[in-house]
Amino acid sequence: TETELNQAFVRFKEIADKKKEITDWDLEAIVNDEI
C-alpha cells in the first residue's frame, strides 16, 4: 500500500546511507520488517 511503501522507502534510504551494497535480500528484510 502507499503507507507501507512510504515506510519501507524511508527505511531503505536509512540503510542505503549506511550500506554501500543493497541486495534483493536486503530489500526483503526491509520490507518484511516494515509490513
Full PDB file with SEQRES, HELIX, SHEET, SSBOND, CRYST1, ORIGX, SCALE, CONECT and MASTER records, all heavy atoms in Angstrom:
SEQRES   1 A   35  THR GLU THR GLU LEU ASN GLN ALA PHE VAL ARG PHE LYS          
SEQRES   2 A   35  GLU ILE ALA ASP LYS LYS LYS GLU ILE THR ASP TRP ASP          
SEQRES   3 A   35  LEU GLU ALA ILE VAL ASN ASP GLU ILE                          
HELIX    1 AA1 GLU A    2  LYS A   18  1                                  17    
HELIX    2 AA2 ASP A   24  GLU A   34  1                                  11    
CRYST1    1.000    1.000    1.000  90.00  90.00  90.00 P 1           1          
ORIGX1      1.000000  0.000000  0.000000        0.00000                         
ORIGX2      0.000000  1.000000  0.000000        0.00000                         
ORIGX3      0.000000  0.000000  1.000000        0.00000                         
SCALE1      1.000000  0.000000  0.000000        0.00000                         
SCALE2      0.000000  1.000000  0.000000        0.00000                         
SCALE3      0.000000  0.000000  1.000000        0.00000                         
ATOM      1  N   THR A   1       0.856  -1.182   0.000  1.00  0.00           N  
ATOM      2  CA  THR A   1       0.000   0.000   0.000  1.00  0.00           C  
ATOM      3  C   THR A   1       0.894   1.235   0.000  1.00  0.00           C  
ATOM      4  O   THR A   1       2.114   1.136   0.233  1.00  0.00           O  
ATOM      5  CB  THR A   1      -0.897   0.021   1.240  1.00  0.00           C  
ATOM      6  OG1 THR A   1      -0.063   0.167   2.408  1.00  0.00           O  
ATOM      7  CG2 THR A   1      -1.725  -1.250   1.355  1.00  0.00           C  
ATOM      8  N   GLU A   2       0.306   2.408  -0.240  1.00  0.00           N  
ATOM      9  CA  GLU A   2       1.085   3.642  -0.239  1.00  0.00           C  
ATOM     10  C   GLU A   2       1.755   3.868   1.116  1.00  0.00           C  
ATOM     11  O   GLU A   2       2.913   4.273   1.192  1.00  0.00           O  
ATOM     12  CB  GLU A   2       0.191   4.835  -0.591  1.00  0.00           C  
ATOM     13  CG  GLU A   2      -0.106   4.974  -2.068  1.00  0.00           C  
ATOM     14  CD  GLU A   2       1.165   5.173  -2.904  1.00  0.00           C  
ATOM     15  OE1 GLU A   2       2.005   6.009  -2.529  1.00  0.00           O  
ATOM     16  OE2 GLU A   2       1.317   4.474  -3.923  1.00  0.00           O  
ATOM     17  N   THR A   3       1.018   3.588   2.185  1.00  0.00           N  
ATOM     18  CA  THR A   3       1.572   3.767   3.537  1.00  0.00           C  
ATOM     19  C   THR A   3       2.752   2.837   3.761  1.00  0.00           C  
ATOM     20  O   THR A   3       3.807   3.242   4.257  1.00  0.00           O  
ATOM     21  CB  THR A   3       0.494   3.507   4.598  1.00  0.00           C  
ATOM     22  OG1 THR A   3      -0.586   4.417   4.394  1.00  0.00           O  
ATOM     23  CG2 THR A   3       1.064   3.699   6.000  1.00  0.00           C  
ATOM     24  N   GLU A   4       2.577   1.547   3.390  1.00  0.00           N  
ATOM     25  CA  GLU A   4       3.657   0.574   3.565  1.00  0.00           C  
ATOM     26  C   GLU A   4       4.858   0.937   2.703  1.00  0.00           C  
ATOM     27  O   GLU A   4       6.012   0.821   3.144  1.00  0.00           O  
ATOM     28  CB  GLU A   4       3.151  -0.828   3.206  1.00  0.00           C  
ATOM     29  CG  GLU A   4       2.152  -1.398   4.190  1.00  0.00           C  
ATOM     30  CD  GLU A   4       1.498  -2.669   3.689  1.00  0.00           C  
ATOM     31  OE1 GLU A   4       1.535  -2.924   2.453  1.00  0.00           O  
ATOM     32  OE2 GLU A   4       0.942  -3.400   4.512  1.00  0.00           O  
ATOM     33  N   LEU A   5       4.594   1.381   1.469  1.00  0.00           N  
ATOM     34  CA  LEU A   5       5.687   1.769   0.577  1.00  0.00           C  
ATOM     35  C   LEU A   5       6.461   2.943   1.152  1.00  0.00           C  
ATOM     36  O   LEU A   5       7.706   2.952   1.135  1.00  0.00           O  
ATOM     37  CB  LEU A   5       5.132   2.122  -0.807  1.00  0.00           C  
ATOM     38  CG  LEU A   5       6.181   2.510  -1.852  1.00  0.00           C  
ATOM     39  CD1 LEU A   5       7.040   1.307  -2.221  1.00  0.00           C  
ATOM     40  CD2 LEU A   5       5.515   3.091  -3.096  1.00  0.00           C  
ATOM     41  N   ASN A   6       5.745   3.936   1.670  1.00  0.00           N  
ATOM     42  CA  ASN A   6       6.417   5.101   2.254  1.00  0.00           C  
ATOM     43  C   ASN A   6       7.291   4.705   3.434  1.00  0.00           C  
ATOM     44  O   ASN A   6       8.431   5.158   3.571  1.00  0.00           O  
ATOM     45  CB  ASN A   6       5.377   6.133   2.695  1.00  0.00           C  
ATOM     46  CG  ASN A   6       4.674   6.791   1.515  1.00  0.00           C  
ATOM     47  OD1 ASN A   6       5.206   6.796   0.411  1.00  0.00           O  
ATOM     48  ND2 ASN A   6       3.487   7.314   1.750  1.00  0.00           N  
ATOM     49  N   GLN A   7       6.760   3.831   4.297  1.00  0.00           N  
ATOM     50  CA  GLN A   7       7.529   3.381   5.458  1.00  0.00           C  
ATOM     51  C   GLN A   7       8.764   2.607   5.023  1.00  0.00           C  
ATOM     52  O   GLN A   7       9.865   2.819   5.544  1.00  0.00           O  
ATOM     53  CB  GLN A   7       6.648   2.501   6.352  1.00  0.00           C  
ATOM     54  CG  GLN A   7       5.520   3.244   7.045  1.00  0.00           C  
ATOM     55  CD  GLN A   7       4.575   2.304   7.765  1.00  0.00           C  
ATOM     56  OE1 GLN A   7       4.552   1.104   7.513  1.00  0.00           O  
ATOM     57  NE2 GLN A   7       3.782   2.843   8.671  1.00  0.00           N  
ATOM     58  N   ALA A   8       8.575   1.707   4.052  1.00  0.00           N  
ATOM     59  CA  ALA A   8       9.699   0.894   3.582  1.00  0.00           C  
ATOM     60  C   ALA A   8      10.748   1.754   2.883  1.00  0.00           C  
ATOM     61  O   ALA A   8      11.955   1.509   3.006  1.00  0.00           O  
ATOM     62  CB  ALA A   8       9.193  -0.197   2.636  1.00  0.00           C  
ATOM     63  N   PHE A   9      10.313   2.789   2.134  1.00  0.00           N  
ATOM     64  CA  PHE A   9      11.253   3.645   1.411  1.00  0.00           C  
ATOM     65  C   PHE A   9      12.104   4.459   2.377  1.00  0.00           C  
ATOM     66  O   PHE A   9      13.309   4.658   2.148  1.00  0.00           O  
ATOM     67  CB  PHE A   9      10.490   4.577   0.461  1.00  0.00           C  
ATOM     68  CG  PHE A   9      11.394   5.365  -0.448  1.00  0.00           C  
ATOM     69  CD1 PHE A   9      12.182   4.724  -1.392  1.00  0.00           C  
ATOM     70  CD2 PHE A   9      11.460   6.745  -0.356  1.00  0.00           C  
ATOM     71  CE1 PHE A   9      13.022   5.448  -2.230  1.00  0.00           C  
ATOM     72  CE2 PHE A   9      12.297   7.473  -1.190  1.00  0.00           C  
ATOM     73  CZ  PHE A   9      13.080   6.819  -2.130  1.00  0.00           C  
ATOM     74  N   VAL A  10      11.503   4.944   3.458  1.00  0.00           N  
ATOM     75  CA  VAL A  10      12.268   5.664   4.490  1.00  0.00           C  
ATOM     76  C   VAL A  10      13.349   4.749   5.067  1.00  0.00           C  
ATOM     77  O   VAL A  10      14.506   5.150   5.215  1.00  0.00           O  
ATOM     78  CB  VAL A  10      11.328   6.186   5.601  1.00  0.00           C  
ATOM     79  CG1 VAL A  10      12.143   6.715   6.780  1.00  0.00           C  
ATOM     80  CG2 VAL A  10      10.424   7.287   5.057  1.00  0.00           C  
ATOM     81  N   ARG A  11      12.950   3.484   5.382  1.00  0.00           N  
ATOM     82  CA  ARG A  11      13.940   2.534   5.905  1.00  0.00           C  
ATOM     83  C   ARG A  11      15.028   2.242   4.888  1.00  0.00           C  
ATOM     84  O   ARG A  11      16.214   2.114   5.226  1.00  0.00           O  
ATOM     85  CB  ARG A  11      13.243   1.223   6.287  1.00  0.00           C  
ATOM     86  CG  ARG A  11      12.520   1.260   7.625  1.00  0.00           C  
ATOM     87  CD  ARG A  11      13.497   1.379   8.808  1.00  0.00           C  
ATOM     88  NE  ARG A  11      14.540   0.392   8.764  1.00  0.00           N  
ATOM     89  CZ  ARG A  11      14.382  -0.894   9.129  1.00  0.00           C  
ATOM     90  NH1 ARG A  11      13.206  -1.302   9.579  1.00  0.00           N  
ATOM     91  NH2 ARG A  11      15.368  -1.740   9.062  1.00  0.00           N  
ATOM     92  N   PHE A  12      14.640   2.106   3.609  1.00  0.00           N  
ATOM     93  CA  PHE A  12      15.604   1.845   2.541  1.00  0.00           C  
ATOM     94  C   PHE A  12      16.645   2.952   2.473  1.00  0.00           C  
ATOM     95  O   PHE A  12      17.856   2.696   2.370  1.00  0.00           O  
ATOM     96  CB  PHE A  12      14.876   1.711   1.206  1.00  0.00           C  
ATOM     97  CG  PHE A  12      15.761   1.870   0.006  1.00  0.00           C  
ATOM     98  CD1 PHE A  12      16.689   0.893  -0.322  1.00  0.00           C  
ATOM     99  CD2 PHE A  12      15.679   3.003  -0.791  1.00  0.00           C  
ATOM    100  CE1 PHE A  12      17.519   1.050  -1.424  1.00  0.00           C  
ATOM    101  CE2 PHE A  12      16.500   3.163  -1.894  1.00  0.00           C  
ATOM    102  CZ  PHE A  12      17.428   2.178  -2.210  1.00  0.00           C  
ATOM    103  N   LYS A  13      16.213   4.220   2.538  1.00  0.00           N  
ATOM    104  CA  LYS A  13      17.135   5.347   2.482  1.00  0.00           C  
ATOM    105  C   LYS A  13      18.085   5.337   3.677  1.00  0.00           C  
ATOM    106  O   LYS A  13      19.277   5.633   3.559  1.00  0.00           O  
ATOM    107  CB  LYS A  13      16.357   6.664   2.417  1.00  0.00           C  
ATOM    108  CG  LYS A  13      15.753   6.961   1.056  1.00  0.00           C  
ATOM    109  CD  LYS A  13      16.846   7.188   0.012  1.00  0.00           C  
ATOM    110  CE  LYS A  13      16.303   7.689  -1.297  1.00  0.00           C  
ATOM    111  NZ  LYS A  13      17.365   7.922  -2.298  1.00  0.00           N  
ATOM    112  N   GLU A  14      17.539   4.984   4.856  1.00  0.00           N  
ATOM    113  CA  GLU A  14      18.371   4.913   6.060  1.00  0.00           C  
ATOM    114  C   GLU A  14      19.457   3.855   5.898  1.00  0.00           C  
ATOM    115  O   GLU A  14      20.624   4.088   6.226  1.00  0.00           O  
ATOM    116  CB  GLU A  14      17.507   4.583   7.274  1.00  0.00           C  
ATOM    117  CG  GLU A  14      16.568   5.707   7.709  1.00  0.00           C  
ATOM    118  CD  GLU A  14      15.650   5.260   8.830  1.00  0.00           C  
ATOM    119  OE1 GLU A  14      15.731   4.070   9.232  1.00  0.00           O  
ATOM    120  OE2 GLU A  14      14.841   6.086   9.297  1.00  0.00           O  
ATOM    121  N   ILE A  15      19.068   2.690   5.392  1.00  0.00           N  
ATOM    122  CA  ILE A  15      20.026   1.593   5.204  1.00  0.00           C  
ATOM    123  C   ILE A  15      21.034   1.948   4.110  1.00  0.00           C  
ATOM    124  O   ILE A  15      22.234   1.689   4.228  1.00  0.00           O  
ATOM    125  CB  ILE A  15      19.286   0.291   4.842  1.00  0.00           C  
ATOM    126  CG1 ILE A  15      18.333  -0.128   5.971  1.00  0.00           C  
ATOM    127  CG2 ILE A  15      20.272  -0.835   4.546  1.00  0.00           C  
ATOM    128  CD1 ILE A  15      18.993  -0.432   7.275  1.00  0.00           C  
ATOM    129  N   ALA A  16      20.555   2.569   3.017  1.00  0.00           N  
ATOM    130  CA  ALA A  16      21.430   2.908   1.894  1.00  0.00           C  
ATOM    131  C   ALA A  16      22.518   3.895   2.295  1.00  0.00           C  
ATOM    132  O   ALA A  16      23.619   3.884   1.738  1.00  0.00           O  
ATOM    133  CB  ALA A  16      20.607   3.469   0.733  1.00  0.00           C  
ATOM    134  N   ASP A  17      22.234   4.748   3.271  1.00  0.00           N  
ATOM    135  CA  ASP A  17      23.242   5.691   3.753  1.00  0.00           C  
ATOM    136  C   ASP A  17      24.335   4.985   4.550  1.00  0.00           C  
ATOM    137  O   ASP A  17      25.447   5.490   4.675  1.00  0.00           O  
ATOM    138  CB  ASP A  17      22.584   6.767   4.627  1.00  0.00           C  
ATOM    139  CG  ASP A  17      21.899   7.837   3.790  1.00  0.00           C  
ATOM    140  OD1 ASP A  17      22.303   8.019   2.625  1.00  0.00           O  
ATOM    141  OD2 ASP A  17      20.956   8.478   4.298  1.00  0.00           O  
ATOM    142  N   LYS A  18      24.008   3.831   5.105  1.00  0.00           N  
ATOM    143  CA  LYS A  18      24.969   3.107   5.943  1.00  0.00           C  
ATOM    144  C   LYS A  18      25.649   1.968   5.197  1.00  0.00           C  
ATOM    145  O   LYS A  18      26.707   1.502   5.610  1.00  0.00           O  
ATOM    146  CB  LYS A  18      24.252   2.523   7.170  1.00  0.00           C  
ATOM    147  CG  LYS A  18      23.557   3.552   8.048  1.00  0.00           C  
ATOM    148  CD  LYS A  18      22.767   2.856   9.150  1.00  0.00           C  
ATOM    149  CE  LYS A  18      21.963   3.856   9.973  1.00  0.00           C  
ATOM    150  NZ  LYS A  18      21.125   3.175  10.998  1.00  0.00           N  
ATOM    151  N   LYS A  19      25.032   1.505   4.124  1.00  0.00           N  
ATOM    152  CA  LYS A  19      25.474   0.282   3.455  1.00  0.00           C  
ATOM    153  C   LYS A  19      25.711   0.562   1.972  1.00  0.00           C  
ATOM    154  O   LYS A  19      24.836   1.072   1.281  1.00  0.00           O  
ATOM    155  CB  LYS A  19      24.381  -0.780   3.629  1.00  0.00           C  
ATOM    156  CG  LYS A  19      24.814  -2.204   3.403  1.00  0.00           C  
ATOM    157  CD  LYS A  19      23.659  -3.147   3.779  1.00  0.00           C  
ATOM    158  CE  LYS A  19      24.103  -4.588   3.749  1.00  0.00           C  
ATOM    159  NZ  LYS A  19      24.436  -5.079   2.434  1.00  0.00           N  
ATOM    160  N   LYS A  20      26.882   0.250   1.468  1.00  0.00           N  
ATOM    161  CA  LYS A  20      27.211   0.563   0.088  1.00  0.00           C  
ATOM    162  C   LYS A  20      26.435  -0.296  -0.898  1.00  0.00           C  
ATOM    163  O   LYS A  20      26.048   0.175  -1.965  1.00  0.00           O  
ATOM    164  CB  LYS A  20      28.718   0.358  -0.146  1.00  0.00           C  
ATOM    165  CG  LYS A  20      29.599   1.343   0.606  1.00  0.00           C  
ATOM    166  CD  LYS A  20      31.064   1.074   0.321  1.00  0.00           C  
ATOM    167  CE  LYS A  20      31.961   2.042   1.079  1.00  0.00           C  
ATOM    168  NZ  LYS A  20      33.400   1.770   0.817  1.00  0.00           N  
ATOM    169  N   GLU A  21      26.262  -1.566  -0.557  1.00  0.00           N  
ATOM    170  CA  GLU A  21      25.645  -2.500  -1.496  1.00  0.00           C  
ATOM    171  C   GLU A  21      24.281  -2.945  -0.989  1.00  0.00           C  
ATOM    172  O   GLU A  21      24.180  -3.572   0.066  1.00  0.00           O  
ATOM    173  CB  GLU A  21      26.550  -3.722  -1.694  1.00  0.00           C  
ATOM    174  CG  GLU A  21      27.923  -3.356  -2.240  1.00  0.00           C  
ATOM    175  CD  GLU A  21      28.806  -4.578  -2.406  1.00  0.00           C  
ATOM    176  OE1 GLU A  21      28.404  -5.670  -1.954  1.00  0.00           O  
ATOM    177  OE2 GLU A  21      29.883  -4.434  -2.995  1.00  0.00           O  
ATOM    178  N   ILE A  22      23.236  -2.625  -1.738  1.00  0.00           N  
ATOM    179  CA  ILE A  22      21.876  -3.027  -1.376  1.00  0.00           C  
ATOM    180  C   ILE A  22      21.454  -4.177  -2.277  1.00  0.00           C  
ATOM    181  O   ILE A  22      21.426  -4.031  -3.500  1.00  0.00           O  
ATOM    182  CB  ILE A  22      20.878  -1.859  -1.532  1.00  0.00           C  
ATOM    183  CG1 ILE A  22      21.330  -0.659  -0.706  1.00  0.00           C  
ATOM    184  CG2 ILE A  22      19.470  -2.290  -1.125  1.00  0.00           C  
ATOM    185  CD1 ILE A  22      21.323  -0.906   0.787  1.00  0.00           C  
ATOM    186  N   THR A  23      21.154  -5.321  -1.676  1.00  0.00           N  
ATOM    187  CA  THR A  23      20.808  -6.518  -2.436  1.00  0.00           C  
ATOM    188  C   THR A  23      19.309  -6.813  -2.337  1.00  0.00           C  
ATOM    189  O   THR A  23      18.594  -6.219  -1.533  1.00  0.00           O  
ATOM    190  CB  THR A  23      21.570  -7.735  -1.894  1.00  0.00           C  
ATOM    191  OG1 THR A  23      21.052  -8.043  -0.587  1.00  0.00           O  
ATOM    192  CG2 THR A  23      23.057  -7.451  -1.791  1.00  0.00           C  
ATOM    193  N   ASP A  24      18.877  -7.780  -3.158  1.00  0.00           N  
ATOM    194  CA  ASP A  24      17.485  -8.221  -3.075  1.00  0.00           C  
ATOM    195  C   ASP A  24      17.171  -8.751  -1.679  1.00  0.00           C  
ATOM    196  O   ASP A  24      16.076  -8.546  -1.148  1.00  0.00           O  
ATOM    197  CB  ASP A  24      17.203  -9.313  -4.110  1.00  0.00           C  
ATOM    198  CG  ASP A  24      17.103  -8.751  -5.522  1.00  0.00           C  
ATOM    199  OD1 ASP A  24      17.085  -7.511  -5.654  1.00  0.00           O  
ATOM    200  OD2 ASP A  24      17.045  -9.544  -6.480  1.00  0.00           O  
ATOM    201  N   TRP A  25      18.122  -9.440  -1.074  1.00  0.00           N  
ATOM    202  CA  TRP A  25      17.903  -9.982   0.270  1.00  0.00           C  
ATOM    203  C   TRP A  25      17.740  -8.850   1.287  1.00  0.00           C  
ATOM    204  O   TRP A  25      16.942  -8.937   2.215  1.00  0.00           O  
ATOM    205  CB  TRP A  25      19.049 -10.903   0.667  1.00  0.00           C  
ATOM    206  CG  TRP A  25      19.070 -12.188  -0.103  1.00  0.00           C  
ATOM    207  CD1 TRP A  25      18.138 -12.617  -1.005  1.00  0.00           C  
ATOM    208  CD2 TRP A  25      20.065 -13.202  -0.038  1.00  0.00           C  
ATOM    209  NE1 TRP A  25      18.489 -13.835  -1.507  1.00  0.00           N  
ATOM    210  CE2 TRP A  25      19.676 -14.225  -0.940  1.00  0.00           C  
ATOM    211  CE3 TRP A  25      21.252 -13.351   0.674  1.00  0.00           C  
ATOM    212  CZ2 TRP A  25      20.426 -15.387  -1.120  1.00  0.00           C  
ATOM    213  CZ3 TRP A  25      22.000 -14.509   0.482  1.00  0.00           C  
ATOM    214  CH2 TRP A  25      21.588 -15.509  -0.397  1.00  0.00           C  
ATOM    215  N   ASP A  26      18.538  -7.788   1.107  1.00  0.00           N  
ATOM    216  CA  ASP A  26      18.379  -6.627   1.991  1.00  0.00           C  
ATOM    217  C   ASP A  26      16.985  -6.026   1.836  1.00  0.00           C  
ATOM    218  O   ASP A  26      16.336  -5.663   2.818  1.00  0.00           O  
ATOM    219  CB  ASP A  26      19.433  -5.550   1.654  1.00  0.00           C  
ATOM    220  CG  ASP A  26      20.848  -5.974   2.007  1.00  0.00           C  
ATOM    221  OD1 ASP A  26      21.016  -6.690   3.007  1.00  0.00           O  
ATOM    222  OD2 ASP A  26      21.775  -5.588   1.278  1.00  0.00           O  
ATOM    223  N   LEU A  27      16.541  -5.906   0.582  1.00  0.00           N  
ATOM    224  CA  LEU A  27      15.213  -5.339   0.330  1.00  0.00           C  
ATOM    225  C   LEU A  27      14.126  -6.188   0.971  1.00  0.00           C  
ATOM    226  O   LEU A  27      13.174  -5.666   1.560  1.00  0.00           O  
ATOM    227  CB  LEU A  27      14.959  -5.229  -1.181  1.00  0.00           C  
ATOM    228  CG  LEU A  27      15.808  -4.201  -1.938  1.00  0.00           C  
ATOM    229  CD1 LEU A  27      15.535  -4.306  -3.437  1.00  0.00           C  
ATOM    230  CD2 LEU A  27      15.535  -2.791  -1.444  1.00  0.00           C  
ATOM    231  N   GLU A  28      14.256  -7.521   0.879  1.00  0.00           N  
ATOM    232  CA  GLU A  28      13.279  -8.409   1.509  1.00  0.00           C  
ATOM    233  C   GLU A  28      13.243  -8.195   3.012  1.00  0.00           C  
ATOM    234  O   GLU A  28      12.170  -8.153   3.625  1.00  0.00           O  
ATOM    235  CB  GLU A  28      13.616  -9.868   1.196  1.00  0.00           C  
ATOM    236  CG  GLU A  28      13.314 -10.272  -0.233  1.00  0.00           C  
ATOM    237  CD  GLU A  28      13.690 -11.709  -0.516  1.00  0.00           C  
ATOM    238  OE1 GLU A  28      14.210 -12.384   0.407  1.00  0.00           O  
ATOM    239  OE2 GLU A  28      13.477 -12.177  -1.644  1.00  0.00           O  
ATOM    240  N   ALA A  29      14.428  -8.056   3.612  1.00  0.00           N  
ATOM    241  CA  ALA A  29      14.498  -7.849   5.063  1.00  0.00           C  
ATOM    242  C   ALA A  29      13.827  -6.536   5.457  1.00  0.00           C  
ATOM    243  O   ALA A  29      13.089  -6.467   6.444  1.00  0.00           O  
ATOM    244  CB  ALA A  29      15.954  -7.863   5.529  1.00  0.00           C  
ATOM    245  N   ILE A  30      14.088  -5.485   4.680  1.00  0.00           N  
ATOM    246  CA  ILE A  30      13.496  -4.167   4.961  1.00  0.00           C  
ATOM    247  C   ILE A  30      11.975  -4.233   4.861  1.00  0.00           C  
ATOM    248  O   ILE A  30      11.251  -3.792   5.757  1.00  0.00           O  
ATOM    249  CB  ILE A  30      14.048  -3.110   3.979  1.00  0.00           C  
ATOM    250  CG1 ILE A  30      15.535  -2.845   4.249  1.00  0.00           C  
ATOM    251  CG2 ILE A  30      13.254  -1.804   4.084  1.00  0.00           C  
ATOM    252  CD1 ILE A  30      16.229  -2.046   3.152  1.00  0.00           C  
ATOM    253  N   VAL A  31      11.478  -4.789   3.760  1.00  0.00           N  
ATOM    254  CA  VAL A  31      10.031  -4.828   3.533  1.00  0.00           C  
ATOM    255  C   VAL A  31       9.340  -5.729   4.545  1.00  0.00           C  
ATOM    256  O   VAL A  31       8.319  -5.363   5.127  1.00  0.00           O  
ATOM    257  CB  VAL A  31       9.715  -5.279   2.092  1.00  0.00           C  
ATOM    258  CG1 VAL A  31       8.211  -5.446   1.904  1.00  0.00           C  
ATOM    259  CG2 VAL A  31      10.259  -4.270   1.097  1.00  0.00           C  
ATOM    260  N   ASN A  32       9.890  -6.918   4.771  1.00  0.00           N  
ATOM    261  CA  ASN A  32       9.262  -7.836   5.728  1.00  0.00           C  
ATOM    262  C   ASN A  32       9.220  -7.228   7.123  1.00  0.00           C  
ATOM    263  O   ASN A  32       8.274  -7.444   7.882  1.00  0.00           O  
ATOM    264  CB  ASN A  32      10.013  -9.170   5.754  1.00  0.00           C  
ATOM    265  CG  ASN A  32       9.794  -9.985   4.498  1.00  0.00           C  
ATOM    266  OD1 ASN A  32       8.805  -9.793   3.802  1.00  0.00           O  
ATOM    267  ND2 ASN A  32      10.717 -10.871   4.188  1.00  0.00           N  
ATOM    268  N   ASP A  33      10.235  -6.465   7.461  1.00  0.00           N  
ATOM    269  CA  ASP A  33      10.264  -5.808   8.768  1.00  0.00           C  
ATOM    270  C   ASP A  33       9.195  -4.721   8.853  1.00  0.00           C  
ATOM    271  O   ASP A  33       8.512  -4.563   9.865  1.00  0.00           O  
ATOM    272  CB  ASP A  33      11.650  -5.195   9.004  1.00  0.00           C  
ATOM    273  CG  ASP A  33      11.853  -4.772  10.450  1.00  0.00           C  
ATOM    274  OD1 ASP A  33      11.247  -5.385  11.345  1.00  0.00           O  
ATOM    275  OD2 ASP A  33      12.605  -3.810  10.679  1.00  0.00           O  
ATOM    276  N   GLU A  34       9.004  -3.978   7.763  1.00  0.00           N  
ATOM    277  CA  GLU A  34       8.075  -2.856   7.780  1.00  0.00           C  
ATOM    278  C   GLU A  34       6.611  -3.273   7.703  1.00  0.00           C  
ATOM    279  O   GLU A  34       5.741  -2.620   8.257  1.00  0.00           O  
ATOM    280  CB  GLU A  34       8.385  -1.893   6.620  1.00  0.00           C  
ATOM    281  CG  GLU A  34       9.613  -1.039   6.862  1.00  0.00           C  
ATOM    282  CD  GLU A  34       9.483  -0.174   8.100  1.00  0.00           C  
ATOM    283  OE1 GLU A  34       8.422   0.400   8.343  1.00  0.00           O  
ATOM    284  OE2 GLU A  34      10.474  -0.081   8.854  1.00  0.00           O  
ATOM    285  N   ILE A  35       6.326  -4.373   6.980  1.00  0.00           N  
ATOM    286  CA  ILE A  35       4.922  -4.735   6.782  1.00  0.00           C  
ATOM    287  C   ILE A  35       4.368  -5.585   7.911  1.00  0.00           C  
ATOM    288  O   ILE A  35       3.186  -5.901   7.925  1.00  0.00           O  
ATOM    289  CB  ILE A  35       4.697  -5.466   5.437  1.00  0.00           C  
ATOM    290  CG1 ILE A  35       5.419  -6.817   5.419  1.00  0.00           C  
ATOM    291  CG2 ILE A  35       5.112  -4.599   4.278  1.00  0.00           C  
ATOM    292  CD1 ILE A  35       5.152  -7.620   4.159  1.00  0.00           C  
TER     293      ILE A  35                                                      
MASTER        0    0    0    2    0    0    0    6  292    1    0    3          
END                                                                             
